[in-house]
Amino acid sequence: SNNQLTSLNLSNNDSLNSLQCQNNQLITLDIRNGNNTNMYTSFWS
């Protein structure tokens, strides 16, 4: 968070459970990693 990122591709990160990338300049965000349902129900925000 709080950077100037414009693009983020996490499609190879199939263990990812939590993502905090607010306050950037994102134009593209790819989280097609086969683990989205676990990301949404993760304990942390």
PDB file of all heavy atoms in Angstrom:
ATOM      1  N   SER A   1       0.825  -1.210   0.000  1.00  0.00           N
ATOM      2  CA  SER A   1       0.000   0.000   0.000  1.00  0.00           C
ATOM      3  C   SER A   1       0.856   1.255   0.000  1.00  0.00           C
ATOM      4  O   SER A   1       2.038   1.226   0.352  1.00  0.00           O
ATOM      5  CB  SER A   1      -0.897   0.007   1.230  1.00  0.00           C
ATOM      6  OG  SER A   1      -1.726  -1.109   1.212  1.00  0.00           O
ATOM      7  N   ASN A   2       0.219   2.349  -0.404  1.00  0.00           N
ATOM      8  CA  ASN A   2       0.832   3.679  -0.328  1.00  0.00           C
ATOM      9  C   ASN A   2       2.101   3.792  -1.160  1.00  0.00           C
ATOM     10  O   ASN A   2       3.125   4.282  -0.704  1.00  0.00           O
ATOM     11  CB  ASN A   2       1.110   4.052   1.133  1.00  0.00           C
ATOM     12  CG  ASN A   2      -0.129   3.979   1.976  1.00  0.00           C
ATOM     13  OD1 ASN A   2      -1.155   4.546   1.632  1.00  0.00           O
ATOM     14  ND2 ASN A   2      -0.068   3.240   3.066  1.00  0.00           N
ATOM     15  N   ASN A   3       2.025   3.304  -2.386  1.00  0.00           N
ATOM     16  CA  ASN A   3       3.115   3.415  -3.346  1.00  0.00           C
ATOM     17  C   ASN A   3       2.578   4.074  -4.606  1.00  0.00           C
ATOM     18  O   ASN A   3       1.517   4.682  -4.585  1.00  0.00           O
ATOM     19  CB  ASN A   3       3.686   2.032  -3.659  1.00  0.00           C
ATOM     20  CG  ASN A   3       4.464   1.471  -2.495  1.00  0.00           C
ATOM     21  OD1 ASN A   3       5.536   1.940  -2.186  1.00  0.00           O
ATOM     22  ND2 ASN A   3       3.897   0.467  -1.841  1.00  0.00           N
ATOM     23  N   GLN A   4       3.264   3.908  -5.676  1.00  0.00           N
ATOM     24  CA  GLN A   4       2.828   4.434  -6.966  1.00  0.00           C
ATOM     25  C   GLN A   4       2.705   3.307  -7.984  1.00  0.00           C
ATOM     26  O   GLN A   4       2.902   3.516  -9.183  1.00  0.00           O
ATOM     27  CB  GLN A   4       3.808   5.508  -7.467  1.00  0.00           C
ATOM     28  CG  GLN A   4       3.880   6.740  -6.594  1.00  0.00           C
ATOM     29  CD  GLN A   4       2.550   7.466  -6.524  1.00  0.00           C
ATOM     30  OE1 GLN A   4       1.927   7.727  -7.547  1.00  0.00           O
ATOM     31  NE2 GLN A   4       2.111   7.795  -5.330  1.00  0.00           N
ATOM     32  N   LEU A   5       2.357   2.098  -7.526  1.00  0.00           N
ATOM     33  CA  LEU A   5       2.250   0.948  -8.423  1.00  0.00           C
ATOM     34  C   LEU A   5       1.153   1.171  -9.455  1.00  0.00           C
ATOM     35  O   LEU A   5       0.064   1.638  -9.116  1.00  0.00           O
ATOM     36  CB  LEU A   5       1.949  -0.319  -7.632  1.00  0.00           C
ATOM     37  CG  LEU A   5       2.971  -0.735  -6.588  1.00  0.00           C
ATOM     38  CD1 LEU A   5       2.465  -1.939  -5.814  1.00  0.00           C
ATOM     39  CD2 LEU A   5       4.305  -1.029  -7.241  1.00  0.00           C
ATOM     40  N   THR A   6       1.423   0.809 -10.693  1.00  0.00           N
ATOM     41  CA  THR A   6       0.408   0.916 -11.745  1.00  0.00           C
ATOM     42  C   THR A   6      -0.076  -0.447 -12.209  1.00  0.00           C
ATOM     43  O   THR A   6      -1.139  -0.561 -12.805  1.00  0.00           O
ATOM     44  CB  THR A   6       0.941   1.697 -12.961  1.00  0.00           C
ATOM     45  OG1 THR A   6       2.099   1.046 -13.459  1.00  0.00           O
ATOM     46  CG2 THR A   6       1.262   3.141 -12.566  1.00  0.00           C
ATOM     47  N   SER A   7       0.697  -1.492 -11.955  1.00  0.00           N
ATOM     48  CA  SER A   7       0.345  -2.835 -12.399  1.00  0.00           C
ATOM     49  C   SER A   7       0.841  -3.847 -11.377  1.00  0.00           C
ATOM     50  O   SER A   7       1.941  -3.695 -10.827  1.00  0.00           O
ATOM     51  CB  SER A   7       0.986  -3.100 -13.764  1.00  0.00           C
ATOM     52  OG  SER A   7       0.669  -4.378 -14.219  1.00  0.00           O
ATOM     53  N   LEU A   8       0.017  -4.869 -11.147  1.00  0.00           N
ATOM     54  CA  LEU A   8       0.402  -5.912 -10.202  1.00  0.00           C
ATOM     55  C   LEU A   8      -0.139  -7.235 -10.719  1.00  0.00           C
ATOM     56  O   LEU A   8      -1.342  -7.380 -10.934  1.00  0.00           O
ATOM     57  CB  LEU A   8      -0.185  -5.590  -8.827  1.00  0.00           C
ATOM     58  CG  LEU A   8       0.303  -6.364  -7.617  1.00  0.00           C
ATOM     59  CD1 LEU A   8       1.813  -6.300  -7.478  1.00  0.00           C
ATOM     60  CD2 LEU A   8      -0.353  -5.807  -6.361  1.00  0.00           C
ATOM     61  N   ASN A   9       0.756  -8.182 -10.953  1.00  0.00           N
ATOM     62  CA  ASN A   9       0.376  -9.503 -11.439  1.00  0.00           C
ATOM     63  C   ASN A   9       0.795 -10.539 -10.403  1.00  0.00           C
ATOM     64  O   ASN A   9       1.978 -10.777 -10.195  1.00  0.00           O
ATOM     65  CB  ASN A   9       1.049  -9.798 -12.780  1.00  0.00           C
ATOM     66  CG  ASN A   9       0.613 -11.124 -13.367  1.00  0.00           C
ATOM     67  OD1 ASN A   9       0.183 -12.032 -12.665  1.00  0.00           O
ATOM     68  ND2 ASN A   9       0.718 -11.242 -14.663  1.00  0.00           N
ATOM     69  N   LEU A  10      -0.207 -11.152  -9.766  1.00  0.00           N
ATOM     70  CA  LEU A  10       0.032 -12.140  -8.720  1.00  0.00           C
ATOM     71  C   LEU A  10      -0.468 -13.509  -9.138  1.00  0.00           C
ATOM     72  O   LEU A  10      -0.734 -14.367  -8.303  1.00  0.00           O
ATOM     73  CB  LEU A  10      -0.637 -11.685  -7.431  1.00  0.00           C
ATOM     74  CG  LEU A  10      -0.124 -10.344  -6.919  1.00  0.00           C
ATOM     75  CD1 LEU A  10      -1.036  -9.777  -5.856  1.00  0.00           C
ATOM     76  CD2 LEU A  10       1.294 -10.479  -6.406  1.00  0.00           C
ATOM     77  N   SER A  11      -0.575 -13.730 -10.440  1.00  0.00           N
ATOM     78  CA  SER A  11      -1.137 -14.982 -10.947  1.00  0.00           C
ATOM     79  C   SER A  11      -0.249 -16.196 -10.655  1.00  0.00           C
ATOM     80  O   SER A  11      -0.743 -17.319 -10.660  1.00  0.00           O
ATOM     81  CB  SER A  11      -1.413 -14.869 -12.447  1.00  0.00           C
ATOM     82  OG  SER A  11      -0.224 -14.589 -13.159  1.00  0.00           O
ATOM     83  N   ASN A  12       1.027 -15.997 -10.362  1.00  0.00           N
ATOM     84  CA  ASN A  12       1.909 -17.119 -10.019  1.00  0.00           C
ATOM     85  C   ASN A  12       1.982 -17.381  -8.523  1.00  0.00           C
ATOM     86  O   ASN A  12       2.660 -18.289  -8.086  1.00  0.00           O
ATOM     87  CB  ASN A  12       3.322 -16.869 -10.547  1.00  0.00           C
ATOM     88  CG  ASN A  12       3.384 -16.989 -12.045  1.00  0.00           C
ATOM     89  OD1 ASN A  12       2.659 -17.776 -12.635  1.00  0.00           O
ATOM     90  ND2 ASN A  12       4.231 -16.201 -12.672  1.00  0.00           N
ATOM     91  N   ASN A  13       1.294 -16.579  -7.733  1.00  0.00           N
ATOM     92  CA  ASN A  13       1.366 -16.681  -6.279  1.00  0.00           C
ATOM     93  C   ASN A  13       0.160 -17.438  -5.736  1.00  0.00           C
ATOM     94  O   ASN A  13      -0.735 -16.866  -5.122  1.00  0.00           O
ATOM     95  CB  ASN A  13       1.460 -15.287  -5.666  1.00  0.00           C
ATOM     96  CG  ASN A  13       2.672 -14.546  -6.169  1.00  0.00           C
ATOM     97  OD1 ASN A  13       2.580 -13.781  -7.110  1.00  0.00           O
ATOM     98  ND2 ASN A  13       3.813 -14.810  -5.566  1.00  0.00           N
ATOM     99  N   ASP A  14       0.168 -18.754  -5.923  1.00  0.00           N
ATOM    100  CA  ASP A  14      -1.001 -19.556  -5.557  1.00  0.00           C
ATOM    101  C   ASP A  14      -1.135 -19.810  -4.060  1.00  0.00           C
ATOM    102  O   ASP A  14      -2.120 -20.375  -3.615  1.00  0.00           O
ATOM    103  CB  ASP A  14      -1.022 -20.879  -6.332  1.00  0.00           C
ATOM    104  CG  ASP A  14       0.232 -21.709  -6.133  1.00  0.00           C
ATOM    105  OD1 ASP A  14       1.136 -21.285  -5.383  1.00  0.00           O
ATOM    106  OD2 ASP A  14       0.303 -22.785  -6.751  1.00  0.00           O
ATOM    107  N   SER A  15      -0.199 -19.351  -3.246  1.00  0.00           N
ATOM    108  CA  SER A  15      -0.317 -19.462  -1.784  1.00  0.00           C
ATOM    109  C   SER A  15      -0.802 -18.166  -1.156  1.00  0.00           C
ATOM    110  O   SER A  15      -1.004 -18.099   0.053  1.00  0.00           O
ATOM    111  CB  SER A  15       1.036 -19.841  -1.168  1.00  0.00           C
ATOM    112  OG  SER A  15       1.436 -21.115  -1.612  1.00  0.00           O
ATOM    113  N   LEU A  16      -0.985 -17.147  -1.960  1.00  0.00           N
ATOM    114  CA  LEU A  16      -1.372 -15.831  -1.447  1.00  0.00           C
ATOM    115  C   LEU A  16      -2.744 -15.885  -0.780  1.00  0.00           C
ATOM    116  O   LEU A  16      -3.714 -16.339  -1.372  1.00  0.00           O
ATOM    117  CB  LEU A  16      -1.383 -14.815  -2.591  1.00  0.00           C
ATOM    118  CG  LEU A  16      -1.483 -13.356  -2.184  1.00  0.00           C
ATOM    119  CD1 LEU A  16      -0.226 -12.916  -1.448  1.00  0.00           C
ATOM    120  CD2 LEU A  16      -1.691 -12.491  -3.418  1.00  0.00           C
ATOM    121  N   ASN A  17      -2.811 -15.437   0.471  1.00  0.00           N
ATOM    122  CA  ASN A  17      -4.062 -15.406   1.223  1.00  0.00           C
ATOM    123  C   ASN A  17      -4.547 -14.003   1.510  1.00  0.00           C
ATOM    124  O   ASN A  17      -5.715 -13.802   1.803  1.00  0.00           O
ATOM    125  CB  ASN A  17      -3.902 -16.134   2.562  1.00  0.00           C
ATOM    126  CG  ASN A  17      -3.806 -17.616   2.401  1.00  0.00           C
ATOM    127  OD1 ASN A  17      -4.466 -18.193   1.551  1.00  0.00           O
ATOM    128  ND2 ASN A  17      -2.963 -18.235   3.194  1.00  0.00           N
ATOM    129  N   SER A  18      -3.659 -13.034   1.482  1.00  0.00           N
ATOM    130  CA  SER A  18      -4.031 -11.677   1.857  1.00  0.00           C
ATOM    131  C   SER A  18      -3.271 -10.683   0.990  1.00  0.00           C
ATOM    132  O   SER A  18      -2.075 -10.844   0.750  1.00  0.00           O
ATOM    133  CB  SER A  18      -3.720 -11.458   3.334  1.00  0.00           C
ATOM    134  OG  SER A  18      -4.167 -10.209   3.755  1.00  0.00           O
ATOM    135  N   LEU A  19      -3.983  -9.658   0.566  1.00  0.00           N
ATOM    136  CA  LEU A  19      -3.395  -8.635  -0.300  1.00  0.00           C
ATOM    137  C   LEU A  19      -3.886  -7.264   0.131  1.00  0.00           C
ATOM    138  O   LEU A  19      -5.089  -7.004   0.168  1.00  0.00           O
ATOM    139  CB  LEU A  19      -3.786  -8.893  -1.761  1.00  0.00           C
ATOM    140  CG  LEU A  19      -3.403  -7.824  -2.775  1.00  0.00           C
ATOM    141  CD1 LEU A  19      -1.886  -7.654  -2.832  1.00  0.00           C
ATOM    142  CD2 LEU A  19      -3.968  -8.168  -4.137  1.00  0.00           C
ATOM    143  N   GLN A  20      -2.965  -6.415   0.464  1.00  0.00           N
ATOM    144  CA  GLN A  20      -3.254  -5.031   0.822  1.00  0.00           C
ATOM    145  C   GLN A  20      -2.502  -4.137  -0.152  1.00  0.00           C
ATOM    146  O   GLN A  20      -1.289  -3.993  -0.056  1.00  0.00           O
ATOM    147  CB  GLN A  20      -2.788  -4.745   2.254  1.00  0.00           C
ATOM    148  CG  GLN A  20      -3.392  -5.651   3.298  1.00  0.00           C
ATOM    149  CD  GLN A  20      -4.846  -5.344   3.510  1.00  0.00           C
ATOM    150  OE1 GLN A  20      -5.245  -4.192   3.657  1.00  0.00           O
ATOM    151  NE2 GLN A  20      -5.668  -6.378   3.509  1.00  0.00           N
ATOM    152  N   CYS A  21      -3.209  -3.578  -1.118  1.00  0.00           N
ATOM    153  CA  CYS A  21      -2.532  -2.737  -2.115  1.00  0.00           C
ATOM    154  C   CYS A  21      -3.304  -1.436  -2.346  1.00  0.00           C
ATOM    155  O   CYS A  21      -3.327  -0.907  -3.446  1.00  0.00           O
ATOM    156  CB  CYS A  21      -2.311  -3.504  -3.417  1.00  0.00           C
ATOM    157  SG  CYS A  21      -3.807  -4.117  -4.196  1.00  0.00           S
ATOM    158  N   GLN A  22      -3.925  -0.925  -1.299  1.00  0.00           N
ATOM    159  CA  GLN A  22      -4.670   0.320  -1.412  1.00  0.00           C
ATOM    160  C   GLN A  22      -3.726   1.514  -1.563  1.00  0.00           C
ATOM    161  O   GLN A  22      -2.538   1.419  -1.293  1.00  0.00           O
ATOM    162  CB  GLN A  22      -5.604   0.513  -0.209  1.00  0.00           C
ATOM    163  CG  GLN A  22      -4.925   0.651   1.129  1.00  0.00           C
ATOM    164  CD  GLN A  22      -4.691  -0.667   1.829  1.00  0.00           C
ATOM    165  OE1 GLN A  22      -4.621  -1.716   1.222  1.00  0.00           O
ATOM    166  NE2 GLN A  22      -4.543  -0.601   3.136  1.00  0.00           N
ATOM    167  N   ASN A  23      -4.289   2.605  -2.034  1.00  0.00           N
ATOM    168  CA  ASN A  23      -3.567   3.874  -2.172  1.00  0.00           C
ATOM    169  C   ASN A  23      -2.371   3.782  -3.110  1.00  0.00           C
ATOM    170  O   ASN A  23      -1.251   4.148  -2.768  1.00  0.00           O
ATOM    171  CB  ASN A  23      -3.108   4.391  -0.799  1.00  0.00           C
ATOM    172  CG  ASN A  23      -4.253   4.572   0.150  1.00  0.00           C
ATOM    173  OD1 ASN A  23      -5.320   5.040  -0.237  1.00  0.00           O
ATOM    174  ND2 ASN A  23      -4.078   4.167   1.392  1.00  0.00           N
ATOM    175  N   ASN A  24      -2.615   3.259  -4.285  1.00  0.00           N
ATOM    176  CA  ASN A  24      -1.620   3.205  -5.342  1.00  0.00           C
ATOM    177  C   ASN A  24      -2.188   3.885  -6.580  1.00  0.00           C
ATOM    178  O   ASN A  24      -3.176   4.612  -6.486  1.00  0.00           O
ATOM    179  CB  ASN A  24      -1.252   1.746  -5.654  1.00  0.00           C
ATOM    180  CG  ASN A  24      -0.241   1.193  -4.678  1.00  0.00           C
ATOM    181  OD1 ASN A  24       0.912   1.583  -4.696  1.00  0.00           O
ATOM    182  ND2 ASN A  24      -0.680   0.280  -3.823  1.00  0.00           N
ATOM    183  N   GLN A  25      -1.619   3.619  -7.711  1.00  0.00           N
ATOM    184  CA  GLN A  25      -2.104   4.119  -9.000  1.00  0.00           C
ATOM    185  C   GLN A  25      -2.402   2.942  -9.923  1.00  0.00           C
ATOM    186  O   GLN A  25      -2.163   3.013 -11.128  1.00  0.00           O
ATOM    187  CB  GLN A  25      -1.066   5.053  -9.626  1.00  0.00           C
ATOM    188  CG  GLN A  25      -0.736   6.270  -8.797  1.00  0.00           C
ATOM    189  CD  GLN A  25      -1.948   7.143  -8.565  1.00  0.00           C
ATOM    190  OE1 GLN A  25      -2.738   7.378  -9.481  1.00  0.00           O
ATOM    191  NE2 GLN A  25      -2.117   7.618  -7.346  1.00  0.00           N
ATOM    192  N   LEU A  26      -2.923   1.844  -9.348  1.00  0.00           N
ATOM    193  CA  LEU A  26      -3.137   0.621 -10.128  1.00  0.00           C
ATOM    194  C   LEU A  26      -4.088   0.843 -11.293  1.00  0.00           C
ATOM    195  O   LEU A  26      -5.145   1.453 -11.148  1.00  0.00           O
ATOM    196  CB  LEU A  26      -3.675  -0.497  -9.240  1.00  0.00           C
ATOM    197  CG  LEU A  26      -2.686  -1.115  -8.262  1.00  0.00           C
ATOM    198  CD1 LEU A  26      -3.396  -2.117  -7.367  1.00  0.00           C
ATOM    199  CD2 LEU A  26      -1.541  -1.784  -8.999  1.00  0.00           C
ATOM    200  N   ILE A  27      -3.685   0.324 -12.423  1.00  0.00           N
ATOM    201  CA  ILE A  27      -4.523   0.269 -13.618  1.00  0.00           C
ATOM    202  C   ILE A  27      -4.909  -1.173 -13.873  1.00  0.00           C
ATOM    203  O   ILE A  27      -6.025  -1.468 -14.264  1.00  0.00           O
ATOM    204  CB  ILE A  27      -3.775   0.870 -14.831  1.00  0.00           C
ATOM    205  CG1 ILE A  27      -3.473   2.350 -14.574  1.00  0.00           C
ATOM    206  CG2 ILE A  27      -4.586   0.694 -16.113  1.00  0.00           C
ATOM    207  CD1 ILE A  27      -2.527   2.962 -15.581  1.00  0.00           C
ATOM    208  N   THR A  28      -3.971  -2.106 -13.616  1.00  0.00           N
ATOM    209  CA  THR A  28      -4.248  -3.532 -13.784  1.00  0.00           C
ATOM    210  C   THR A  28      -3.872  -4.284 -12.516  1.00  0.00           C
ATOM    211  O   THR A  28      -2.847  -4.002 -11.887  1.00  0.00           O
ATOM    212  CB  THR A  28      -3.475  -4.134 -14.978  1.00  0.00           C
ATOM    213  OG1 THR A  28      -2.077  -4.012 -14.743  1.00  0.00           O
ATOM    214  CG2 THR A  28      -3.851  -3.448 -16.273  1.00  0.00           C
ATOM    215  N   LEU A  29      -4.731  -5.238 -12.165  1.00  0.00           N
ATOM    216  CA  LEU A  29      -4.486  -6.121 -11.024  1.00  0.00           C
ATOM    217  C   LEU A  29      -4.936  -7.513 -11.427  1.00  0.00           C
ATOM    218  O   LEU A  29      -6.102  -7.734 -11.738  1.00  0.00           O
ATOM    219  CB  LEU A  29      -5.254  -5.637  -9.788  1.00  0.00           C
ATOM    220  CG  LEU A  29      -5.185  -6.516  -8.541  1.00  0.00           C
ATOM    221  CD1 LEU A  29      -3.751  -6.719  -8.085  1.00  0.00           C
ATOM    222  CD2 LEU A  29      -6.024  -5.900  -7.429  1.00  0.00           C
ATOM    223  N   ASP A  30      -4.010  -8.451 -11.439  1.00  0.00           N
ATOM    224  CA  ASP A  30      -4.296  -9.830 -11.837  1.00  0.00           C
ATOM    225  C   ASP A  30      -4.057 -10.743 -10.638  1.00  0.00           C
ATOM    226  O   ASP A  30      -2.921 -10.922 -10.210  1.00  0.00           O
ATOM    227  CB  ASP A  30      -3.404 -10.238 -13.001  1.00  0.00           C
ATOM    228  CG  ASP A  30      -3.764 -11.595 -13.589  1.00  0.00           C
ATOM    229  OD1 ASP A  30      -4.526 -12.350 -12.950  1.00  0.00           O
ATOM    230  OD2 ASP A  30      -3.278 -11.901 -14.684  1.00  0.00           O
ATOM    231  N   ILE A  31      -5.142 -11.284 -10.077  1.00  0.00           N
ATOM    232  CA  ILE A  31      -5.024 -12.210  -8.952  1.00  0.00           C
ATOM    233  C   ILE A  31      -5.571 -13.591  -9.322  1.00  0.00           C
ATOM    234  O   ILE A  31      -6.009 -14.344  -8.469  1.00  0.00           O
ATOM    235  CB  ILE A  31      -5.691 -11.668  -7.672  1.00  0.00           C
ATOM    236  CG1 ILE A  31      -7.151 -11.310  -7.900  1.00  0.00           C
ATOM    237  CG2 ILE A  31      -4.914 -10.486  -7.126  1.00  0.00           C
ATOM    238  CD1 ILE A  31      -7.894 -10.915  -6.637  1.00  0.00           C
ATOM    239  N   ARG A  32      -5.520 -13.926 -10.608  1.00  0.00           N
ATOM    240  CA  ARG A  32      -5.943 -15.260 -11.065  1.00  0.00           C
ATOM    241  C   ARG A  32      -4.881 -16.276 -10.678  1.00  0.00           C
ATOM    242  O   ARG A  32      -4.035 -16.652 -11.472  1.00  0.00           O
ATOM    243  CB  ARG A  32      -6.149 -15.264 -12.575  1.00  0.00           C
ATOM    244  CG  ARG A  32      -7.308 -14.421 -13.035  1.00  0.00           C
ATOM    245  CD  ARG A  32      -7.381 -14.382 -14.525  1.00  0.00           C
ATOM    246  NE  ARG A  32      -6.213 -13.612 -15.013  1.00  0.00           N
ATOM    247  CZ  ARG A  32      -5.907 -13.446 -16.277  1.00  0.00           C
ATOM    248  NH1 ARG A  32      -6.630 -13.999 -17.216  1.00  0.00           N
ATOM    249  NH2 ARG A  32      -4.857 -12.731 -16.622  1.00  0.00           N
ATOM    250  N   ASN A  33      -4.937 -16.725  -9.440  1.00  0.00           N
ATOM    251  CA  ASN A  33      -3.908 -17.618  -8.923  1.00  0.00           C
ATOM    252  C   ASN A  33      -4.457 -18.964  -8.460  1.00  0.00           C
ATOM    253  O   ASN A  33      -3.748 -19.747  -7.857  1.00  0.00           O
ATOM    254  CB  ASN A  33      -3.147 -16.944  -7.780  1.00  0.00           C
ATOM    255  CG  ASN A  33      -4.040 -16.626  -6.600  1.00  0.00           C
ATOM    256  OD1 ASN A  33      -5.221 -16.940  -6.590  1.00  0.00           O
ATOM    257  ND2 ASN A  33      -3.479 -15.984  -5.601  1.00  0.00           N
ATOM    258  N   GLY A  34      -5.733 -19.232  -8.689  1.00  0.00           N
ATOM    259  CA  GLY A  34      -6.336 -20.488  -8.261  1.00  0.00           C
ATOM    260  C   GLY A  34      -6.635 -20.546  -6.785  1.00  0.00           C
ATOM    261  O   GLY A  34      -7.009 -21.593  -6.264  1.00  0.00           O
ATOM    262  N   ASN A  35      -6.492 -19.426  -6.086  1.00  0.00           N
ATOM    263  CA  ASN A  35      -6.659 -19.409  -4.629  1.00  0.00           C
ATOM    264  C   ASN A  35      -7.580 -18.287  -4.166  1.00  0.00           C
ATOM    265  O   ASN A  35      -7.592 -17.938  -2.994  1.00  0.00           O
ATOM    266  CB  ASN A  35      -5.272 -19.258  -3.970  1.00  0.00           C
ATOM    267  CG  ASN A  35      -5.291 -19.572  -2.507  1.00  0.00           C
ATOM    268  OD1 ASN A  35      -5.977 -20.479  -2.051  1.00  0.00           O
ATOM    269  ND2 ASN A  35      -4.520 -18.825  -1.732  1.00  0.00           N
ATOM    270  N   ASN A  36      -8.362 -17.700  -5.045  1.00  0.00           N
ATOM    271  CA  ASN A  36      -9.181 -16.554  -4.681  1.00  0.00           C
ATOM    272  C   ASN A  36     -10.158 -16.832  -3.553  1.00  0.00           C
ATOM    273  O   ASN A  36     -10.374 -15.968  -2.697  1.00  0.00           O
ATOM    274  CB  ASN A  36      -9.954 -16.030  -5.882  1.00  0.00           C
ATOM    275  CG  ASN A  36      -9.081 -15.324  -6.894  1.00  0.00           C
ATOM    276  OD1 ASN A  36      -9.573 -14.937  -7.946  1.00  0.00           O
ATOM    277  ND2 ASN A  36      -7.791 -15.139  -6.638  1.00  0.00           N
ATOM    278  N   THR A  37     -10.762 -17.996  -3.512  1.00  0.00           N
ATOM    279  CA  THR A  37     -11.734 -18.269  -2.448  1.00  0.00           C
ATOM    280  C   THR A  37     -11.063 -18.259  -1.087  1.00  0.00           C
ATOM    281  O   THR A  37     -11.663 -17.838  -0.102  1.00  0.00           O
ATOM    282  CB  THR A  37     -12.463 -19.608  -2.671  1.00  0.00           C
ATOM    283  OG1 THR A  37     -11.498 -20.649  -2.780  1.00  0.00           O
ATOM    284  CG2 THR A  37     -13.315 -19.555  -3.925  1.00  0.00           C
ATOM    285  N   ASN A  38      -9.829 -18.682  -0.989  1.00  0.00           N
ATOM    286  CA  ASN A  38      -9.104 -18.636   0.279  1.00  0.00           C
ATOM    287  C   ASN A  38      -8.647 -17.226   0.622  1.00  0.00           C
ATOM    288  O   ASN A  38      -8.525 -16.879   1.787  1.00  0.00           O
ATOM    289  CB  ASN A  38      -7.902 -19.573   0.255  1.00  0.00           C
ATOM    290  CG  ASN A  38      -8.327 -21.016   0.216  1.00  0.00           C
ATOM    291  OD1 ASN A  38      -9.335 -21.392   0.793  1.00  0.00           O
ATOM    292  ND2 ASN A  38      -7.568 -21.826  -0.490  1.00  0.00           N
ATOM    293  N   MET A  39      -8.402 -16.421  -0.382  1.00  0.00           N
ATOM    294  CA  MET A  39      -8.027 -15.042  -0.130  1.00  0.00           C
ATOM    295  C   MET A  39      -9.184 -14.307   0.516  1.00  0.00           C
ATOM    296  O   MET A  39      -9.002 -13.545   1.446  1.00  0.00           O
ATOM    297  CB  MET A  39      -7.632 -14.346  -1.428  1.00  0.00           C
ATOM    298  CG  MET A  39      -6.345 -14.837  -2.020  1.00  0.00           C
ATOM    299  SD  MET A  39      -5.996 -14.089  -3.607  1.00  0.00           S
ATOM    300  CE  MET A  39      -5.529 -12.447  -3.113  1.00  0.00           C
ATOM    301  N   TYR A  40     -10.376 -14.548   0.031  1.00  0.00           N
ATOM    302  CA  TYR A  40     -11.536 -13.814   0.524  1.00  0.00           C
ATOM    303  C   TYR A  40     -11.897 -14.196   1.949  1.00  0.00           C
ATOM    304  O   TYR A  40     -12.396 -13.390   2.711  1.00  0.00           O
ATOM    305  CB  TYR A  40     -12.737 -14.043  -0.398  1.00  0.00           C
ATOM    306  CG  TYR A  40     -13.803 -13.023  -0.169  1.00  0.00           C
ATOM    307  CD1 TYR A  40     -13.699 -11.771  -0.740  1.00  0.00           C
ATOM    308  CD2 TYR A  40     -14.889 -13.289   0.647  1.00  0.00           C
ATOM    309  CE1 TYR A  40     -14.654 -10.814  -0.516  1.00  0.00           C
ATOM    310  CE2 TYR A  40     -15.848 -12.334   0.883  1.00  0.00           C
ATOM    311  CZ  TYR A  40     -15.719 -11.088   0.298  1.00  0.00           C
ATOM    312  OH  TYR A  40     -16.658 -10.136   0.530  1.00  0.00           O
ATOM    313  N   THR A  41     -11.626 -15.426   2.355  1.00  0.00           N
ATOM    314  CA  THR A  41     -12.011 -15.877   3.683  1.00  0.00           C
ATOM    315  C   THR A  41     -10.837 -15.933   4.649  1.00  0.00           C
ATOM    316  O   THR A  41     -10.943 -16.512   5.715  1.00  0.00           O
ATOM    317  CB  THR A  41     -12.671 -17.269   3.610  1.00  0.00           C
ATOM    318  OG1 THR A  41     -11.750 -18.181   3.015  1.00  0.00           O
ATOM    319  CG2 THR A  41     -13.939 -17.221   2.794  1.00  0.00           C
ATOM    320  N   SER A  42      -9.739 -15.317   4.300  1.00  0.00           N
ATOM    321  CA  SER A  42      -8.571 -15.299   5.171  1.00  0.00           C
ATOM    322  C   SER A  42      -8.910 -14.631   6.504  1.00  0.00           C
ATOM    323  O   SER A  42      -9.753 -13.741   6.580  1.00  0.00           O
ATOM    324  CB  SER A  42      -7.446 -14.523   4.476  1.00  0.00           C
ATOM    325  OG  SER A  42      -6.362 -14.315   5.329  1.00  0.00           O
ATOM    326  N   PHE A  43      -8.218 -15.043   7.571  1.00  0.00           N
ATOM    327  CA  PHE A  43      -8.460 -14.498   8.906  1.00  0.00           C
ATOM    328  C   PHE A  43      -8.194 -13.006   8.947  1.00  0.00           C
ATOM    329  O   PHE A  43      -8.966 -12.231   9.473  1.00  0.00           O
ATOM    330  CB  PHE A  43      -7.590 -15.222   9.933  1.00  0.00           C
ATOM    331  CG  PHE A  43      -7.659 -14.615  11.301  1.00  0.00           C
ATOM    332  CD1 PHE A  43      -8.779 -14.812  12.087  1.00  0.00           C
ATOM    333  CD2 PHE A  43      -6.623 -13.844  11.784  1.00  0.00           C
ATOM    334  CE1 PHE A  43      -8.862 -14.248  13.346  1.00  0.00           C
ATOM    335  CE2 PHE A  43      -6.700 -13.277  13.044  1.00  0.00           C
ATOM    336  CZ  PHE A  43      -7.816 -13.487  13.827  1.00  0.00           C
ATOM    337  N   TRP A  44      -7.055 -12.589   8.409  1.00  0.00           N
ATOM    338  CA  TRP A  44      -6.721 -11.166   8.375  1.00  0.00           C
ATOM    339  C   TRP A  44      -7.593 -10.486   7.331  1.00  0.00           C
ATOM    340  O   TRP A  44      -8.201 -11.122   6.507  1.00  0.00           O
ATOM    341  CB  TRP A  44      -5.248 -10.991   8.022  1.00  0.00           C
ATOM    342  CG  TRP A  44      -4.365 -11.646   9.026  1.00  0.00           C
ATOM    343  CD1 TRP A  44      -3.736 -12.841   8.885  1.00  0.00           C
ATOM    344  CD2 TRP A  44      -4.053 -11.189  10.327  1.00  0.00           C
ATOM    345  NE1 TRP A  44      -3.043 -13.143  10.015  1.00  0.00           N
ATOM    346  CE2 TRP A  44      -3.222 -12.155  10.920  1.00  0.00           C
ATOM    347  CE3 TRP A  44      -4.403 -10.060  11.052  1.00  0.00           C
ATOM    348  CZ2 TRP A  44      -2.720 -12.012  12.206  1.00  0.00           C
ATOM    349  CZ3 TRP A  44      -3.904  -9.920  12.326  1.00  0.00           C
ATOM    350  CH2 TRP A  44      -3.083 -10.885  12.890  1.00  0.00           C
ATOM    351  N   SER A  45      -7.628  -9.201   7.368  1.00  0.00           N
ATOM    352  CA  SER A  45      -8.353  -8.471   6.337  1.00  0.00           C
ATOM    353  C   SER A  45      -7.759  -8.877   4.994  1.00  0.00           C
ATOM    354  O   SER A  45      -6.664  -8.454   4.639  1.00  0.00           O
ATOM    355  CB  SER A  45      -8.205  -6.976   6.563  1.00  0.00           C
ATOM    356  OG  SER A  45      -8.856  -6.265   5.561  1.00  0.00           O
TER     357      SER A  45
END
